[in-house]
Structures are given as C-alpha cells and as structure tokens.
Amino acid sequence: MSPTLRIYLIESQKKGGKKMAVQSLPYNSRLILRVQVGIQQGNPVLRNRSFNNVKADVPDEAVYTVAQALGSLQKFPLVKVVRTNDEELSEI
C-alpha cells in the first residue's frame, strides 16, 4: 500500500453497526508563512503569506526547508510555518 493512501475501517452510524472501509487520498497541500508585520497595543500583528498547490506527496522536511528559504526573502520576520493538507474521503 502506498504511504499516501490510508484505509480506515469506521463504524457506520446506521442501525446494526455495519462497518465500511473508507480511503483517504491526498490531493492538495498549502504552505502558509506567518510573518510579524508589527506590534499594536503590545500584541504582535501577524499576516499570512500563502502558497497553494504544493504537491501532497512532498515530505514535510522539504516543505519546511523551502519555507525557511522563502521566509528569509520576506521583509518581515517569519514567526510560524503551517502546512495544510486536503484529502478526499471515499468509500471502497
């Protein structure tokens, strides 16, 4: 089984507790850089820099390395790196 394909056996909400197999297929990933653009009333003001269509099968380490490189090009300091993954669930 591919490392990007996960199969789950979940309990159905239907009467009788029928079990069904569900697979999760990654199809998109997004990289978000959180940068601090200033301070307002003693609190940091953060903004997002988003990069869509990151390949879902790219390892986290590689995405983080790219995020650090992109962060060094930003005018404001990089505070946080976030990756979100979108997956499609389907019954098999």
C-alpha atoms as a PDB file:
ATOM      1  CA  MET A   1       0.000   0.000   0.000  1.00  0.00           C
ATOM      2  CA  SER A   2       1.265   3.451  -0.896  1.00  0.00           C
ATOM      3  CA  PRO A   3       2.310   5.636   2.067  1.00  0.00           C
ATOM      4  CA  THR A   4      -0.037   8.362   0.841  1.00  0.00           C
ATOM      5  CA  LEU A   5      -3.026   6.003   0.740  1.00  0.00           C
ATOM      6  CA  ARG A   6      -4.604   5.237   4.063  1.00  0.00           C
ATOM      7  CA  ILE A   7      -7.570   2.975   4.545  1.00  0.00           C
ATOM      8  CA  TYR A   8      -9.789   3.283   7.575  1.00  0.00           C
ATOM      9  CA  LEU A   9     -12.406   0.954   8.899  1.00  0.00           C
ATOM     10  CA  ILE A  10     -15.044   3.095  10.532  1.00  0.00           C
ATOM     11  CA  GLU A  11     -18.196   2.316  12.398  1.00  0.00           C
ATOM     12  CA  SER A  12     -21.280   3.281  10.444  1.00  0.00           C
ATOM     13  CA  GLN A  13     -23.917   5.452  12.069  1.00  0.00           C
ATOM     14  CA  LYS A  14     -26.573   3.158  10.591  1.00  0.00           C
ATOM     15  CA  LYS A  15     -28.506   0.739  12.743  1.00  0.00           C
ATOM     16  CA  GLY A  16     -26.764  -2.564  13.122  1.00  0.00           C
ATOM     17  CA  GLY A  17     -23.284  -1.038  13.265  1.00  0.00           C
ATOM     18  CA  LYS A  18     -22.364  -2.077   9.716  1.00  0.00           C
ATOM     19  CA  LYS A  19     -18.692  -1.390   9.021  1.00  0.00           C
ATOM     20  CA  MET A  20     -17.436   0.208   5.824  1.00  0.00           C
ATOM     21  CA  ALA A  21     -13.943   0.834   4.558  1.00  0.00           C
ATOM     22  CA  VAL A  22     -13.039   4.416   3.709  1.00  0.00           C
ATOM     23  CA  GLN A  23      -9.906   5.541   1.931  1.00  0.00           C
ATOM     24  CA  SER A  24      -8.223   8.899   2.209  1.00  0.00           C
ATOM     25  CA  LEU A  25      -6.490  10.225  -0.907  1.00  0.00           C
ATOM     26  CA  PRO A  26      -4.336  13.359  -0.570  1.00  0.00           C
ATOM     27  CA  TYR A  27      -4.914  15.765  -3.446  1.00  0.00           C
ATOM     28  CA  ASN A  28      -3.612  19.171  -2.404  1.00  0.00           C
ATOM     29  CA  SER A  29      -1.394  20.863   0.119  1.00  0.00           C
ATOM     30  CA  ARG A  30      -0.876  24.504   1.083  1.00  0.00           C
ATOM     31  CA  LEU A  31       2.089  26.257   2.686  1.00  0.00           C
ATOM     32  CA  ILE A  32       1.401  29.241   4.923  1.00  0.00           C
ATOM     33  CA  LEU A  33       4.101  31.544   6.257  1.00  0.00           C
ATOM     34  CA  ARG A  34       3.075  33.610   9.295  1.00  0.00           C
ATOM     35  CA  VAL A  35       5.059  36.836   9.448  1.00  0.00           C
ATOM     36  CA  GLN A  36       5.002  39.558  12.075  1.00  0.00           C
ATOM     37  CA  VAL A  37       4.320  42.887  10.393  1.00  0.00           C
ATOM     38  CA  GLY A  38       4.308  44.976  13.547  1.00  0.00           C
ATOM     39  CA  ILE A  39       3.044  45.436  17.079  1.00  0.00           C
ATOM     40  CA  GLN A  40      -0.255  47.025  18.062  1.00  0.00           C
ATOM     41  CA  GLN A  41      -1.080  47.766  21.705  1.00  0.00           C
ATOM     42  CA  GLY A  42       1.693  45.401  22.816  1.00  0.00           C
ATOM     43  CA  ASN A  43       0.441  42.487  20.719  1.00  0.00           C
ATOM     44  CA  PRO A  44       2.126  41.155  17.583  1.00  0.00           C
ATOM     45  CA  VAL A  45       0.331  41.794  14.284  1.00  0.00           C
ATOM     46  CA  LEU A  46       0.625  38.710  12.072  1.00  0.00           C
ATOM     47  CA  ARG A  47      -0.098  38.232   8.374  1.00  0.00           C
ATOM     48  CA  ASN A  48      -0.231  35.113   6.220  1.00  0.00           C
ATOM     49  CA  ARG A  49       1.722  34.508   3.041  1.00  0.00           C
ATOM     50  CA  SER A  50       0.063  31.521   1.329  1.00  0.00           C
ATOM     51  CA  PHE A  51       1.457  29.252  -1.359  1.00  0.00           C
ATOM     52  CA  ASN A  52      -1.126  26.926  -2.903  1.00  0.00           C
ATOM     53  CA  ASN A  53      -0.769  23.765  -4.985  1.00  0.00           C
ATOM     54  CA  VAL A  54       2.115  22.259  -3.036  1.00  0.00           C
ATOM     55  CA  LYS A  55       2.404  18.613  -4.084  1.00  0.00           C
ATOM     56  CA  ALA A  56       0.738  16.494  -1.416  1.00  0.00           C
ATOM     57  CA  ASP A  57       3.438  13.796  -1.521  1.00  0.00           C
ATOM     58  CA  VAL A  58       6.368  16.139  -0.778  1.00  0.00           C
ATOM     59  CA  PRO A  59       7.910  15.335   2.645  1.00  0.00           C
ATOM     60  CA  ASP A  60       7.395  17.825   5.466  1.00  0.00           C
ATOM     61  CA  GLU A  61      11.143  18.356   5.780  1.00  0.00           C
ATOM     62  CA  ALA A  62      11.370  19.555   2.186  1.00  0.00           C
ATOM     63  CA  VAL A  63       8.391  21.886   2.601  1.00  0.00           C
ATOM     64  CA  TYR A  64       9.937  23.309   5.779  1.00  0.00           C
ATOM     65  CA  THR A  65      13.272  23.896   4.037  1.00  0.00           C
ATOM     66  CA  VAL A  66      11.515  25.802   1.261  1.00  0.00           C
ATOM     67  CA  ALA A  67       9.510  27.757   3.854  1.00  0.00           C
ATOM     68  CA  GLN A  68      12.716  28.825   5.592  1.00  0.00           C
ATOM     69  CA  ALA A  69      14.194  29.961   2.264  1.00  0.00           C
ATOM     70  CA  LEU A  70      11.037  31.915   1.389  1.00  0.00           C
ATOM     71  CA  GLY A  71      10.929  33.335   4.908  1.00  0.00           C
ATOM     72  CA  SER A  72      14.428  34.728   4.502  1.00  0.00           C
ATOM     73  CA  LEU A  73      13.185  36.684   1.467  1.00  0.00           C
ATOM     74  CA  GLN A  74      10.332  38.332   3.375  1.00  0.00           C
ATOM     75  CA  LYS A  75      10.511  41.925   4.539  1.00  0.00           C
ATOM     76  CA  PHE A  76       9.115  40.913   7.948  1.00  0.00           C
ATOM     77  CA  PRO A  77      10.339  38.166  10.314  1.00  0.00           C
ATOM     78  CA  LEU A  78       8.971  34.647   9.894  1.00  0.00           C
ATOM     79  CA  VAL A  79       7.094  33.560  13.030  1.00  0.00           C
ATOM     80  CA  LYS A  80       5.467  30.252  12.066  1.00  0.00           C
ATOM     81  CA  VAL A  81       5.324  27.734   9.223  1.00  0.00           C
ATOM     82  CA  VAL A  82       1.995  25.967   8.620  1.00  0.00           C
ATOM     83  CA  ARG A  83       1.149  23.221   6.144  1.00  0.00           C
ATOM     84  CA  THR A  84      -2.440  22.201   5.481  1.00  0.00           C
ATOM     85  CA  ASN A  85      -3.317  19.023   3.610  1.00  0.00           C
ATOM     86  CA  ASP A  86      -6.585  18.404   1.788  1.00  0.00           C
ATOM     87  CA  GLU A  87      -7.730  14.810   1.426  1.00  0.00           C
ATOM     88  CA  GLU A  88     -10.658  13.264  -0.356  1.00  0.00           C
ATOM     89  CA  LEU A  89     -12.549  10.574   1.537  1.00  0.00           C
ATOM     90  CA  SER A  90     -14.343   7.877  -0.406  1.00  0.00           C
ATOM     91  CA  GLU A  91     -15.969   4.580   0.410  1.00  0.00           C
ATOM     92  CA  ILE A  92     -14.291   1.494  -1.007  1.00  0.00           C
END
